[in-house]
Amino acid sequence: MKPRPEDAAALVTGASRGIGAATAKALAADGWTVGVNYRRDADGAQATAHAIATAGGRAFVVPGDVSDPDAAERLLADLAGQSGAPVLALVNNAGVRADGLALQLDDDMWDAVVHTNLTSAFRLTRRALGPMLRARHGRIVNVASIVGPRANAGQANYAAAKAGLIGLTKTVAVEVARRGVTVNAVAPGFIETDMTADVLDEGSLAAIPARRLGTPEDVAACVRFLASREAAYVTGSTVVVDGGLSA
């Protein structure tokens, strides 16, 4: 059994680097036509798409800022139009940080993180569900964080957004389960990416039972499974990918 439907596309937001790029490549390896979304890093997105094509896969670059209220309609329509296939998988990966103690966080810092990390995922999910429900097949995977259920000082906005993303995941999952659509989340711990380079140190490594940082590919492997047919009975779940940090 093939891991995904015939002639189906998958949109990965924030796929120009890190977890998003690794996820786009992993889904393409399973035969998905992949939409590589980016906001600023056009070169990175093109590199991801080129790597997929070189490996024998099919990818389209889909630019757009997911925090834009009109982005969901535009991105999904763009991918469906370019690929000629329905978008039956969505990976909400795009995210930003604006750290500071709660007393220091202003409204702009709060809004930027919540809108990008949570509101955009809701809008994309809402727009993506229609074709999935009609096809009676769909996979939505939200990239959350262990910071959602686990406190991390200086990230009240980020933690609130990621905790909200887990709540969104569970709620939508039970709403659409009867129609063959699954909604899950992955919660990475300390993953070695550009986004976390300024917060990881020797103390971070010492706190991880696995005694190593995670890689984007570690997270992508879980997303790949959750997007596959083999995960048809897994929904409303959050898979923690943290080397035992939160055990």
Protein backbone atom coordinates (compact mmCIF):
# COMPACT_ATOMS: atom_id res chain seq x y z
CA MET A 1 0.00 0.00 0.00
CA LYS A 2 1.36 3.39 -0.97
CA PRO A 3 1.88 5.74 1.97
CA ARG A 4 -0.30 8.46 0.43
CA PRO A 5 -3.15 8.82 -2.09
CA GLU A 6 -2.49 9.01 -5.80
CA ASP A 7 -2.05 12.52 -7.21
CA ALA A 8 -2.10 14.36 -3.90
CA ALA A 9 -0.18 17.41 -2.74
CA ALA A 10 1.19 18.39 0.65
CA LEU A 11 1.80 21.97 1.78
CA VAL A 12 4.61 22.55 4.27
CA THR A 13 4.79 26.06 5.68
CA GLY A 14 8.14 27.54 6.61
CA ALA A 15 9.93 24.98 4.48
CA SER A 16 12.98 26.92 3.35
CA ARG A 17 15.18 25.49 6.11
CA GLY A 18 15.30 23.48 9.32
CA ILE A 19 12.37 21.27 10.27
CA GLY A 20 10.25 22.51 7.38
CA ALA A 21 12.85 21.71 4.73
CA ALA A 22 13.52 18.28 6.22
CA THR A 23 9.78 17.58 6.33
CA ALA A 24 9.25 18.64 2.73
CA LYS A 25 12.00 16.26 1.63
CA ALA A 26 10.62 13.41 3.73
CA LEU A 27 7.11 13.78 2.33
CA ALA A 28 8.44 14.01 -1.21
CA ALA A 29 10.31 10.75 -0.62
CA ASP A 30 6.92 9.16 0.08
CA GLY A 31 5.60 10.42 -3.25
CA TRP A 32 3.74 13.54 -2.19
CA THR A 33 3.89 16.53 -4.51
CA VAL A 34 5.16 19.11 -2.04
CA GLY A 35 4.50 22.82 -1.75
CA VAL A 36 7.56 24.50 -0.25
CA ASN A 37 6.33 27.66 1.46
CA TYR A 38 8.58 30.50 2.54
CA ARG A 39 8.27 34.12 3.66
CA ARG A 40 11.74 35.64 3.16
CA ASP A 41 14.28 32.95 2.28
CA ALA A 42 13.61 32.44 -1.42
CA ASP A 43 17.03 30.89 -1.98
CA GLY A 44 16.46 28.36 0.79
CA ALA A 45 13.05 27.41 -0.59
CA GLN A 46 14.49 26.98 -4.07
CA ALA A 47 17.27 24.83 -2.62
CA THR A 48 14.71 22.62 -0.86
CA ALA A 49 12.68 22.23 -4.05
CA HIS A 50 15.83 21.52 -6.06
CA ALA A 51 16.91 18.83 -3.60
CA ILE A 52 13.50 17.19 -3.91
CA ALA A 53 13.63 17.27 -7.71
CA THR A 54 17.18 15.91 -7.74
CA ALA A 55 16.01 12.98 -5.62
CA GLY A 56 13.24 12.24 -8.12
CA GLY A 57 10.41 14.01 -6.33
CA ARG A 58 8.09 16.82 -7.32
CA ALA A 59 7.97 20.20 -5.57
CA PHE A 60 6.69 23.72 -6.13
CA VAL A 61 7.82 26.86 -4.33
CA VAL A 62 4.86 28.66 -2.75
CA PRO A 63 5.79 32.11 -1.36
CA GLY A 64 3.68 33.88 1.24
CA ASP A 65 3.55 35.17 4.79
CA VAL A 66 1.27 32.82 6.72
CA SER A 67 0.37 35.58 9.19
CA ASP A 68 -1.43 37.45 6.39
CA PRO A 69 -5.20 36.87 6.82
CA ASP A 70 -5.53 36.12 3.09
CA ALA A 71 -2.58 33.72 2.96
CA ALA A 72 -4.46 30.48 3.59
CA GLU A 73 -6.68 30.81 0.53
CA ARG A 74 -3.83 32.00 -1.66
CA LEU A 75 -1.25 29.38 -0.64
CA LEU A 76 -3.53 26.38 -0.92
CA ALA A 77 -5.03 27.55 -4.21
CA ASP A 78 -1.55 28.28 -5.57
CA LEU A 79 -0.29 24.79 -4.75
CA ALA A 80 -3.40 23.07 -6.10
CA GLY A 81 -3.15 25.13 -9.29
CA GLN A 82 0.54 24.49 -9.88
CA SER A 83 0.41 20.80 -9.04
CA GLY A 84 -2.96 19.96 -10.55
CA ALA A 85 -3.67 17.87 -7.45
CA PRO A 86 -5.80 18.34 -4.34
CA VAL A 87 -3.93 19.35 -1.21
CA LEU A 88 -4.57 16.42 1.11
CA ALA A 89 -1.76 17.02 3.60
CA LEU A 90 -0.91 20.17 5.51
CA VAL A 91 2.05 20.67 7.82
CA ASN A 92 1.77 23.85 9.87
CA ASN A 93 5.43 24.42 10.62
CA ALA A 94 6.04 28.15 10.13
CA GLY A 95 6.94 29.86 13.38
CA VAL A 96 8.68 32.84 14.92
CA ARG A 97 10.08 33.82 18.32
CA ALA A 98 10.09 37.15 20.14
CA ASP A 99 11.38 36.29 23.60
CA GLY A 100 11.21 38.29 26.78
CA LEU A 101 9.90 38.05 30.31
CA ALA A 102 6.17 38.64 30.58
CA LEU A 103 6.71 42.11 32.00
CA GLN A 104 8.79 43.00 28.95
CA LEU A 105 6.55 41.61 26.21
CA ASP A 106 4.69 44.35 24.38
CA ASP A 107 1.58 43.83 22.28
CA ASP A 108 3.52 43.67 19.03
CA MET A 109 5.78 40.90 20.34
CA TRP A 110 2.74 38.97 21.56
CA ASP A 111 0.74 39.42 18.39
CA ALA A 112 3.58 38.54 16.04
CA VAL A 113 4.18 35.18 17.72
CA VAL A 114 0.54 34.23 18.30
CA HIS A 115 -0.59 35.24 14.81
CA THR A 116 2.21 33.38 13.05
CA ASN A 117 2.41 30.29 15.25
CA LEU A 118 -1.27 29.75 16.07
CA THR A 119 -3.73 31.88 14.13
CA SER A 120 -2.15 31.04 10.78
CA ALA A 121 -2.38 27.33 11.55
CA PHE A 122 -6.08 27.72 12.30
CA ARG A 123 -6.74 29.62 9.08
CA LEU A 124 -4.82 27.12 6.96
CA THR A 125 -6.52 24.20 8.67
CA ARG A 126 -9.96 25.73 8.15
CA ARG A 127 -9.28 26.28 4.45
CA ALA A 128 -7.62 22.88 3.89
CA LEU A 129 -10.38 20.82 5.49
CA GLY A 130 -12.93 21.25 2.69
CA PRO A 131 -11.07 19.27 0.00
CA MET A 132 -9.92 16.73 2.59
CA LEU A 133 -13.45 16.07 3.82
CA ARG A 134 -14.72 15.73 0.25
CA ALA A 135 -11.93 13.27 -0.53
CA ARG A 136 -12.53 11.46 2.78
CA HIS A 137 -8.80 11.54 3.29
CA GLY A 138 -6.56 14.14 4.84
CA ARG A 139 -3.56 14.62 7.08
CA ILE A 140 -2.87 17.73 9.14
CA VAL A 141 0.26 17.85 11.27
CA ASN A 142 0.99 20.83 13.50
CA VAL A 143 4.53 21.50 14.64
CA ALA A 144 4.12 22.49 18.29
CA SER A 145 6.84 22.41 20.97
CA ILE A 146 7.53 20.96 24.38
CA VAL A 147 7.40 24.60 25.50
CA GLY A 148 3.61 24.34 25.11
CA PRO A 149 3.00 21.94 28.01
CA ARG A 150 6.35 22.69 29.74
CA ALA A 151 7.22 26.15 31.10
CA ASN A 152 10.18 28.03 29.69
CA ALA A 153 10.84 31.44 31.22
CA GLY A 154 10.96 34.26 28.71
CA GLN A 155 8.60 32.64 26.21
CA ALA A 156 5.09 33.35 27.44
CA ASN A 157 3.93 34.27 23.94
CA TYR A 158 5.60 31.27 22.30
CA ALA A 159 4.34 28.88 25.00
CA ALA A 160 0.79 30.21 24.75
CA ALA A 161 0.80 29.81 20.96
CA LYS A 162 2.20 26.27 21.07
CA ALA A 163 -0.14 25.19 23.87
CA GLY A 164 -3.00 26.63 21.85
CA LEU A 165 -1.80 24.69 18.81
CA ILE A 166 -2.00 21.44 20.77
CA GLY A 167 -5.52 22.34 21.90
CA LEU A 168 -6.51 23.17 18.33
CA THR A 169 -5.08 19.84 17.19
CA LYS A 170 -7.17 17.82 19.65
CA THR A 171 -10.39 19.70 18.98
CA VAL A 172 -10.28 19.61 15.19
CA ALA A 173 -9.23 15.95 15.31
CA VAL A 174 -12.46 14.88 17.01
CA GLU A 175 -14.53 17.05 14.67
CA VAL A 176 -13.31 15.39 11.48
CA ALA A 177 -12.30 11.86 12.54
CA ARG A 178 -15.32 10.21 10.92
CA ARG A 179 -14.37 11.53 7.50
CA GLY A 180 -10.93 9.96 7.23
CA VAL A 181 -9.04 13.11 8.20
CA THR A 182 -6.47 12.96 10.99
CA VAL A 183 -5.04 15.90 12.89
CA ASN A 184 -1.93 15.45 15.01
CA ALA A 185 0.95 17.45 16.41
CA VAL A 186 4.63 16.90 16.99
CA ALA A 187 6.32 18.63 19.91
CA PRO A 188 10.06 19.02 19.33
CA GLY A 189 12.47 19.64 22.15
CA PHE A 190 15.96 21.04 21.59
CA ILE A 191 16.43 20.76 17.84
CA GLU A 192 19.56 22.08 16.16
CA THR A 193 18.25 24.74 13.77
CA ASP A 194 18.94 28.38 12.96
CA MET A 195 15.94 29.36 15.07
CA THR A 196 17.37 27.80 18.24
CA ALA A 197 21.06 28.59 17.73
CA ASP A 198 21.00 31.47 20.22
CA VAL A 199 19.40 29.51 23.07
CA LEU A 200 21.24 26.19 23.01
CA ASP A 201 24.33 25.67 25.16
CA GLU A 202 26.16 22.93 27.07
CA GLY A 203 23.53 23.09 29.79
CA SER A 204 20.84 22.29 27.26
CA LEU A 205 22.71 19.18 26.15
CA ALA A 206 23.29 18.02 29.72
CA ALA A 207 19.55 18.16 30.41
CA ILE A 208 18.72 15.76 27.57
CA PRO A 209 18.77 12.06 28.54
CA ALA A 210 19.79 11.14 24.96
CA ARG A 211 22.82 13.46 25.40
CA ARG A 212 22.47 14.98 21.97
CA LEU A 213 20.49 17.67 20.25
CA GLY A 214 17.73 16.61 17.93
CA THR A 215 18.00 17.08 14.18
CA PRO A 216 15.35 18.40 11.80
CA GLU A 217 15.28 14.93 10.29
CA ASP A 218 14.30 13.44 13.68
CA VAL A 219 11.18 15.59 13.66
CA ALA A 220 10.51 15.08 9.95
CA ALA A 221 10.46 11.31 10.43
CA CYS A 222 7.55 11.65 12.85
CA VAL A 223 5.68 14.01 10.54
CA ARG A 224 6.24 11.59 7.67
CA PHE A 225 4.62 8.79 9.64
CA LEU A 226 1.66 10.91 10.76
CA ALA A 227 1.05 11.95 7.15
CA SER A 228 1.06 8.36 5.91
CA ARG A 229 -1.76 5.86 5.49
CA GLU A 230 -0.18 3.78 8.24
CA ALA A 231 -1.16 6.47 10.75
CA ALA A 232 -4.86 6.33 9.86
CA TYR A 233 -5.87 5.40 13.43
CA VAL A 234 -3.68 8.04 15.07
CA THR A 235 -5.47 11.34 15.58
CA GLY A 236 -5.63 14.02 18.23
CA SER A 237 -2.19 12.97 19.45
CA THR A 238 0.95 14.93 20.19
CA VAL A 239 4.19 13.07 19.51
CA VAL A 240 7.03 14.40 21.65
CA VAL A 241 10.42 14.45 19.91
CA ASP A 242 12.86 15.54 22.61
CA GLY A 243 15.35 12.79 23.42
CA GLY A 244 13.63 12.11 26.73
CA LEU A 245 13.81 15.69 28.03
CA SER A 246 10.20 15.78 29.19
CA ALA A 247 9.99 12.14 30.29
